[in-house]
Amino acid sequence: MNRKGKLYFRYGTMGSAKTALLLTQAYNFEERGMRYVCLKPIIDTRDKTNVIKSRIGIERECQWIHADTDLYELAQTLFEQTMIIFDWFLVDECQFLTAKQVDQLARIVDDFGSNVICYGLRTDFQSKLFEGSRRLFEIADTIDEIKSTCNCGRKTIVNARIDSNGDFVEEGNQVEIGGDDRYIAVCRKCWRNKKIEQSTRDALPFLELKSHK
């Protein structure tokens, strides 16, 4: 097969318009008559229907990716049903993929010559790599950062999880679906300073108690 595809990883923090860029890309492909399909892990349950939806309100139908979905077999089935080879696969929230599923996307690229663009987060609220993102860093042909700006003006790095008081949460499950009420993207310095501030504040009652003994 002469088609030469690529596996792309485009990552950014929450609020960096990753999904909007995916949907814009899908619209451009449609306008140009290019064959594409949108995919999304079903772990993101904020939307009850099979759609990819951005914060600015635009949306597009997609196919769900379950935890046990073999993406290579899914592509083969699509090709058999439509009798065409899709030019592009657009994957939203790719951080929730398993390493095995990322490898399956790479096989789609290598065996069929399709292009696969994965959009997602790099790290979780503890600044640790997601499994899917780690594998994409290891094997993607092209890696691009979608940059956004912290309130202080620096580039955002960390997807900080917050509680109802706006304090950073440092413990919990890696995956917890939420929007602006649960997460805020900040730069590394602001993340560190906020954690120091919280630690100091939490220690004050204990220190005051000791001083009165």
C-alpha atoms as a PDB file:
ATOM      1  CA  MET A   1       0.000   0.000   0.000  1.00  0.00           C
ATOM      2  CA  ASN A   2       1.481   3.351  -1.099  1.00  0.00           C
ATOM      3  CA  ARG A   3      -0.457   5.543   1.323  1.00  0.00           C
ATOM      4  CA  LYS A   4       1.807   7.009   4.005  1.00  0.00           C
ATOM      5  CA  GLY A   5       0.011   8.088   7.149  1.00  0.00           C
ATOM      6  CA  LYS A   6       1.244   9.516  10.429  1.00  0.00           C
ATOM      7  CA  LEU A   7       0.351   9.168  14.092  1.00  0.00           C
ATOM      8  CA  TYR A   8       0.006  12.630  15.639  1.00  0.00           C
ATOM      9  CA  PHE A   9      -0.210  13.546  19.324  1.00  0.00           C
ATOM     10  CA  ARG A  10      -1.492  17.031  20.096  1.00  0.00           C
ATOM     11  CA  TYR A  11      -1.581  17.711  23.810  1.00  0.00           C
ATOM     12  CA  GLY A  12      -2.441  20.615  26.053  1.00  0.00           C
ATOM     13  CA  THR A  13      -3.850  21.422  29.481  1.00  0.00           C
ATOM     14  CA  MET A  14      -7.549  21.680  30.207  1.00  0.00           C
ATOM     15  CA  GLY A  15      -9.104  24.721  28.584  1.00  0.00           C
ATOM     16  CA  SER A  16      -6.524  24.880  25.776  1.00  0.00           C
ATOM     17  CA  ALA A  17      -9.207  24.336  23.094  1.00  0.00           C
ATOM     18  CA  LYS A  18      -8.041  20.842  22.133  1.00  0.00           C
ATOM     19  CA  THR A  19     -11.555  19.620  21.379  1.00  0.00           C
ATOM     20  CA  ALA A  20     -12.434  22.785  19.482  1.00  0.00           C
ATOM     21  CA  LEU A  21      -9.360  22.245  17.300  1.00  0.00           C
ATOM     22  CA  LEU A  22     -10.393  18.644  16.647  1.00  0.00           C
ATOM     23  CA  LEU A  23     -13.886  19.713  15.626  1.00  0.00           C
ATOM     24  CA  THR A  24     -12.513  22.488  13.417  1.00  0.00           C
ATOM     25  CA  GLN A  25     -10.243  19.942  11.762  1.00  0.00           C
ATOM     26  CA  ALA A  26     -13.231  17.646  11.158  1.00  0.00           C
ATOM     27  CA  TYR A  27     -15.169  20.516   9.595  1.00  0.00           C
ATOM     28  CA  ASN A  28     -12.243  21.331   7.279  1.00  0.00           C
ATOM     29  CA  PHE A  29     -11.962  17.684   6.202  1.00  0.00           C
ATOM     30  CA  GLU A  30     -15.683  17.603   5.468  1.00  0.00           C
ATOM     31  CA  GLU A  31     -15.492  20.788   3.394  1.00  0.00           C
ATOM     32  CA  ARG A  32     -12.675  19.276   1.339  1.00  0.00           C
ATOM     33  CA  GLY A  33     -14.435  15.955   0.834  1.00  0.00           C
ATOM     34  CA  MET A  34     -11.894  13.995   2.870  1.00  0.00           C
ATOM     35  CA  ARG A  35     -12.973  10.811   4.614  1.00  0.00           C
ATOM     36  CA  TYR A  36     -12.647  10.858   8.394  1.00  0.00           C
ATOM     37  CA  VAL A  37     -14.103   9.397  11.563  1.00  0.00           C
ATOM     38  CA  CYS A  38     -14.202  10.828  15.105  1.00  0.00           C
ATOM     39  CA  LEU A  39     -13.539   8.612  18.131  1.00  0.00           C
ATOM     40  CA  LYS A  40     -13.736   9.180  21.879  1.00  0.00           C
ATOM     41  CA  PRO A  41     -13.214   7.005  25.001  1.00  0.00           C
ATOM     42  CA  ILE A  42     -16.529   6.370  26.726  1.00  0.00           C
ATOM     43  CA  ILE A  43     -14.906   7.043  30.111  1.00  0.00           C
ATOM     44  CA  ASP A  44     -15.764  10.713  29.538  1.00  0.00           C
ATOM     45  CA  THR A  45     -19.418  10.526  30.543  1.00  0.00           C
ATOM     46  CA  ARG A  46     -20.196  14.241  30.681  1.00  0.00           C
ATOM     47  CA  ASP A  47     -22.064  13.882  27.375  1.00  0.00           C
ATOM     48  CA  LYS A  48     -24.653  11.116  27.433  1.00  0.00           C
ATOM     49  CA  THR A  49     -24.811  10.743  23.665  1.00  0.00           C
ATOM     50  CA  ASN A  50     -22.060   9.707  21.291  1.00  0.00           C
ATOM     51  CA  VAL A  51     -20.807  13.193  20.509  1.00  0.00           C
ATOM     52  CA  ILE A  52     -17.607  15.154  20.866  1.00  0.00           C
ATOM     53  CA  LYS A  53     -18.542  18.542  22.283  1.00  0.00           C
ATOM     54  CA  SER A  54     -16.356  21.572  22.920  1.00  0.00           C
ATOM     55  CA  ARG A  55     -16.764  24.213  25.617  1.00  0.00           C
ATOM     56  CA  ILE A  56     -17.774  26.757  22.989  1.00  0.00           C
ATOM     57  CA  GLY A  57     -20.816  24.680  22.057  1.00  0.00           C
ATOM     58  CA  ILE A  58     -19.900  23.012  18.776  1.00  0.00           C
ATOM     59  CA  GLU A  59     -20.231  19.243  18.548  1.00  0.00           C
ATOM     60  CA  ARG A  60     -19.999  16.291  16.188  1.00  0.00           C
ATOM     61  CA  GLU A  61     -21.041  12.650  16.300  1.00  0.00           C
ATOM     62  CA  CYS A  62     -18.381  10.115  17.186  1.00  0.00           C
ATOM     63  CA  GLN A  63     -17.865   6.439  17.820  1.00  0.00           C
ATOM     64  CA  TRP A  64     -17.284   5.337  21.406  1.00  0.00           C
ATOM     65  CA  ILE A  65     -14.058   3.641  22.445  1.00  0.00           C
ATOM     66  CA  HIS A  66     -14.653   1.172  25.262  1.00  0.00           C
ATOM     67  CA  ALA A  67     -11.931  -0.125  27.560  1.00  0.00           C
ATOM     68  CA  ASP A  68     -11.857  -3.398  25.615  1.00  0.00           C
ATOM     69  CA  THR A  69     -12.236  -1.900  22.117  1.00  0.00           C
ATOM     70  CA  ASP A  70      -9.672  -3.149  19.616  1.00  0.00           C
ATOM     71  CA  LEU A  71      -9.159  -0.035  17.502  1.00  0.00           C
ATOM     72  CA  TYR A  72      -7.451  -1.934  14.707  1.00  0.00           C
ATOM     73  CA  GLU A  73     -10.422  -4.264  14.389  1.00  0.00           C
ATOM     74  CA  LEU A  74     -12.778  -1.274  14.579  1.00  0.00           C
ATOM     75  CA  ALA A  75     -10.965   0.313  11.627  1.00  0.00           C
ATOM     76  CA  GLN A  76     -11.092  -2.915   9.648  1.00  0.00           C
ATOM     77  CA  THR A  77     -14.848  -3.180  10.266  1.00  0.00           C
ATOM     78  CA  LEU A  78     -15.391   0.410   9.146  1.00  0.00           C
ATOM     79  CA  PHE A  79     -13.426  -0.189   5.970  1.00  0.00           C
ATOM     80  CA  GLU A  80     -15.408  -3.351   5.205  1.00  0.00           C
ATOM     81  CA  GLN A  81     -18.762  -1.656   5.850  1.00  0.00           C
ATOM     82  CA  THR A  82     -18.042   1.453   3.782  1.00  0.00           C
ATOM     83  CA  MET A  83     -15.694  -0.088   1.203  1.00  0.00           C
ATOM     84  CA  ILE A  84     -13.352   2.857   1.654  1.00  0.00           C
ATOM     85  CA  ILE A  85     -10.150   3.539   3.566  1.00  0.00           C
ATOM     86  CA  PHE A  86     -10.618   6.561   5.820  1.00  0.00           C
ATOM     87  CA  ASP A  87      -8.043   9.305   5.352  1.00  0.00           C
ATOM     88  CA  TRP A  88      -8.160  10.500   8.957  1.00  0.00           C
ATOM     89  CA  PHE A  89      -9.040   9.245  12.428  1.00  0.00           C
ATOM     90  CA  LEU A  90      -9.594  12.007  14.994  1.00  0.00           C
ATOM     91  CA  VAL A  91      -9.392  10.837  18.616  1.00  0.00           C
ATOM     92  CA  ASP A  92     -10.535  13.033  21.508  1.00  0.00           C
ATOM     93  CA  GLU A  93      -9.462  12.550  25.169  1.00  0.00           C
ATOM     94  CA  CYS A  94      -6.718  10.172  24.070  1.00  0.00           C
ATOM     95  CA  GLN A  95      -5.113  10.196  27.525  1.00  0.00           C
ATOM     96  CA  PHE A  96      -7.791   7.668  28.540  1.00  0.00           C
ATOM     97  CA  LEU A  97      -6.622   5.100  25.971  1.00  0.00           C
ATOM     98  CA  THR A  98      -4.585   2.107  27.052  1.00  0.00           C
ATOM     99  CA  ALA A  99      -1.050   1.658  25.766  1.00  0.00           C
ATOM    100  CA  LYS A 100      -2.332  -1.326  23.781  1.00  0.00           C
ATOM    101  CA  GLN A 101      -4.973   0.827  22.083  1.00  0.00           C
ATOM    102  CA  VAL A 102      -2.342   3.411  21.120  1.00  0.00           C
ATOM    103  CA  ASP A 103      -0.338   0.596  19.539  1.00  0.00           C
ATOM    104  CA  GLN A 104      -3.472  -0.395  17.621  1.00  0.00           C
ATOM    105  CA  LEU A 105      -3.763   3.165  16.289  1.00  0.00           C
ATOM    106  CA  ALA A 106      -0.154   2.941  15.146  1.00  0.00           C
ATOM    107  CA  ARG A 107      -1.003  -0.258  13.243  1.00  0.00           C
ATOM    108  CA  ILE A 108      -3.862   1.568  11.489  1.00  0.00           C
ATOM    109  CA  VAL A 109      -1.321   4.136  10.310  1.00  0.00           C
ATOM    110  CA  ASP A 110       1.278   1.596   9.263  1.00  0.00           C
ATOM    111  CA  ASP A 111      -0.984  -0.999   7.634  1.00  0.00           C
ATOM    112  CA  PHE A 112      -3.654   1.180   6.007  1.00  0.00           C
ATOM    113  CA  GLY A 113      -1.822   4.465   5.466  1.00  0.00           C
ATOM    114  CA  SER A 114      -4.486   6.441   7.335  1.00  0.00           C
ATOM    115  CA  ASN A 115      -3.569   9.439   9.475  1.00  0.00           C
ATOM    116  CA  VAL A 116      -4.476   9.403  13.164  1.00  0.00           C
ATOM    117  CA  ILE A 117      -4.580  12.606  15.218  1.00  0.00           C
ATOM    118  CA  CYS A 118      -4.880  12.155  18.988  1.00  0.00           C
ATOM    119  CA  TYR A 119      -5.908  15.110  21.143  1.00  0.00           C
ATOM    120  CA  GLY A 120      -5.592  14.969  24.919  1.00  0.00           C
ATOM    121  CA  LEU A 121      -3.921  15.825  28.182  1.00  0.00           C
ATOM    122  CA  ARG A 122      -0.309  15.069  28.955  1.00  0.00           C
ATOM    123  CA  THR A 123      -0.548  14.658  32.736  1.00  0.00           C
ATOM    124  CA  ASP A 124      -3.074  14.244  35.534  1.00  0.00           C
ATOM    125  CA  PHE A 125      -3.768  16.449  38.585  1.00  0.00           C
ATOM    126  CA  GLN A 126      -0.599  15.135  40.276  1.00  0.00           C
ATOM    127  CA  SER A 127       1.491  15.988  37.182  1.00  0.00           C
ATOM    128  CA  LYS A 128       1.895  12.271  36.352  1.00  0.00           C
ATOM    129  CA  LEU A 129       1.636  11.000  32.786  1.00  0.00           C
ATOM    130  CA  PHE A 130      -1.535   9.232  31.696  1.00  0.00           C
ATOM    131  CA  GLU A 131      -0.997   5.767  30.204  1.00  0.00           C
ATOM    132  CA  GLY A 132      -2.258   6.709  26.759  1.00  0.00           C
ATOM    133  CA  SER A 133      -0.234   9.918  26.674  1.00  0.00           C
ATOM    134  CA  ARG A 134       2.942   8.156  27.756  1.00  0.00           C
ATOM    135  CA  ARG A 135       2.641   5.659  24.918  1.00  0.00           C
ATOM    136  CA  LEU A 136       1.964   8.405  22.392  1.00  0.00           C
ATOM    137  CA  PHE A 137       5.106  10.235  23.507  1.00  0.00           C
ATOM    138  CA  GLU A 138       6.987   6.987  22.909  1.00  0.00           C
ATOM    139  CA  ILE A 139       5.734   6.123  19.412  1.00  0.00           C
ATOM    140  CA  ALA A 140       3.944   9.104  17.783  1.00  0.00           C
ATOM    141  CA  ASP A 141       5.432  10.386  14.526  1.00  0.00           C
ATOM    142  CA  THR A 142       4.619  14.008  15.320  1.00  0.00           C
ATOM    143  CA  ILE A 143       4.079  15.622  18.745  1.00  0.00           C
ATOM    144  CA  ASP A 144       2.666  19.139  19.090  1.00  0.00           C
ATOM    145  CA  GLU A 145       1.869  21.152  22.210  1.00  0.00           C
ATOM    146  CA  ILE A 146      -1.316  23.235  22.253  1.00  0.00           C
ATOM    147  CA  LYS A 147      -0.300  26.087  24.530  1.00  0.00           C
ATOM    148  CA  SER A 148      -2.449  28.103  26.899  1.00  0.00           C
ATOM    149  CA  THR A 149      -1.700  30.782  29.476  1.00  0.00           C
ATOM    150  CA  CYS A 150      -1.906  30.767  33.271  1.00  0.00           C
ATOM    151  CA  ASN A 151      -3.437  33.758  35.077  1.00  0.00           C
ATOM    152  CA  CYS A 152       0.092  34.917  35.859  1.00  0.00           C
ATOM    153  CA  GLY A 153       1.055  34.969  32.171  1.00  0.00           C
ATOM    154  CA  ARG A 154       3.206  31.855  32.116  1.00  0.00           C
ATOM    155  CA  LYS A 155       2.443  28.731  30.075  1.00  0.00           C
ATOM    156  CA  THR A 156       0.079  26.282  31.764  1.00  0.00           C
ATOM    157  CA  ILE A 157       1.640  22.939  32.702  1.00  0.00           C
ATOM    158  CA  VAL A 158      -0.514  21.340  35.414  1.00  0.00           C
ATOM    159  CA  ASN A 159      -4.185  20.325  35.388  1.00  0.00           C
ATOM    160  CA  ALA A 160      -4.820  21.031  39.072  1.00  0.00           C
ATOM    161  CA  ARG A 161      -7.851  19.393  40.698  1.00  0.00           C
ATOM    162  CA  ILE A 162      -9.711  21.713  43.069  1.00  0.00           C
ATOM    163  CA  ASP A 163     -12.269  21.302  45.827  1.00  0.00           C
ATOM    164  CA  SER A 164     -15.339  23.446  46.534  1.00  0.00           C
ATOM    165  CA  ASN A 165     -13.120  26.064  48.232  1.00  0.00           C
ATOM    166  CA  GLY A 166     -10.772  26.335  45.277  1.00  0.00           C
ATOM    167  CA  ASP A 167      -7.935  24.532  47.084  1.00  0.00           C
ATOM    168  CA  PHE A 168      -5.764  22.068  45.193  1.00  0.00           C
ATOM    169  CA  VAL A 169      -6.536  18.387  45.774  1.00  0.00           C
ATOM    170  CA  GLU A 170      -3.431  16.215  46.040  1.00  0.00           C
ATOM    171  CA  GLU A 171      -4.912  12.748  46.630  1.00  0.00           C
ATOM    172  CA  GLY A 172      -7.503  10.660  44.798  1.00  0.00           C
ATOM    173  CA  ASN A 173      -8.118   8.540  41.737  1.00  0.00           C
ATOM    174  CA  GLN A 174      -6.261   9.527  38.601  1.00  0.00           C
ATOM    175  CA  VAL A 175      -9.473   9.743  36.588  1.00  0.00           C
ATOM    176  CA  GLU A 176     -12.261  11.976  37.841  1.00  0.00           C
ATOM    177  CA  ILE A 177     -14.354  13.581  35.138  1.00  0.00           C
ATOM    178  CA  GLY A 178     -15.118  17.250  35.671  1.00  0.00           C
ATOM    179  CA  GLY A 179     -15.069  20.723  34.203  1.00  0.00           C
ATOM    180  CA  ASP A 180     -14.190  24.161  35.530  1.00  0.00           C
ATOM    181  CA  ASP A 181     -15.728  23.254  38.896  1.00  0.00           C
ATOM    182  CA  ARG A 182     -13.109  20.529  39.426  1.00  0.00           C
ATOM    183  CA  TYR A 183     -10.035  21.560  37.468  1.00  0.00           C
ATOM    184  CA  ILE A 184      -7.932  24.608  36.722  1.00  0.00           C
ATOM    185  CA  ALA A 185      -4.889  24.760  34.452  1.00  0.00           C
ATOM    186  CA  VAL A 186      -1.908  26.554  36.005  1.00  0.00           C
ATOM    187  CA  CYS A 187       1.803  27.006  35.435  1.00  0.00           C
ATOM    188  CA  ARG A 188       4.315  25.019  37.465  1.00  0.00           C
ATOM    189  CA  LYS A 189       5.263  27.991  39.658  1.00  0.00           C
ATOM    190  CA  CYS A 190       1.675  28.869  40.592  1.00  0.00           C
ATOM    191  CA  TRP A 191       0.980  25.192  41.297  1.00  0.00           C
ATOM    192  CA  ARG A 192       3.954  24.986  43.648  1.00  0.00           C
ATOM    193  CA  ASN A 193       3.198  28.295  45.377  1.00  0.00           C
ATOM    194  CA  LYS A 194      -0.429  27.343  45.956  1.00  0.00           C
ATOM    195  CA  LYS A 195       0.568  24.035  47.511  1.00  0.00           C
ATOM    196  CA  ILE A 196       3.071  25.802  49.813  1.00  0.00           C
ATOM    197  CA  GLU A 197       0.377  28.303  50.793  1.00  0.00           C
ATOM    198  CA  GLN A 198      -2.073  25.516  51.616  1.00  0.00           C
ATOM    199  CA  SER A 199       0.521  23.580  53.629  1.00  0.00           C
ATOM    200  CA  THR A 200       1.434  26.693  55.624  1.00  0.00           C
ATOM    201  CA  ARG A 201      -2.188  27.569  56.281  1.00  0.00           C
ATOM    202  CA  ASP A 202      -3.044  24.033  57.361  1.00  0.00           C
ATOM    203  CA  ALA A 203      -0.084  23.980  59.747  1.00  0.00           C
ATOM    204  CA  LEU A 204      -1.012  27.256  61.516  1.00  0.00           C
ATOM    205  CA  PRO A 205      -3.731  25.868  63.839  1.00  0.00           C
ATOM    206  CA  PHE A 206      -1.351  23.120  64.969  1.00  0.00           C
ATOM    207  CA  LEU A 207       1.479  25.579  65.623  1.00  0.00           C
ATOM    208  CA  GLU A 208      -0.826  27.952  67.486  1.00  0.00           C
ATOM    209  CA  LEU A 209      -2.073  25.096  69.641  1.00  0.00           C
ATOM    210  CA  LYS A 210       1.479  24.119  70.538  1.00  0.00           C
ATOM    211  CA  SER A 211       2.401  27.711  71.411  1.00  0.00           C
ATOM    212  CA  HIS A 212      -0.428  27.922  73.964  1.00  0.00           C
ATOM    213  CA  LYS A 213       0.591  24.795  75.817  1.00  0.00           C
END
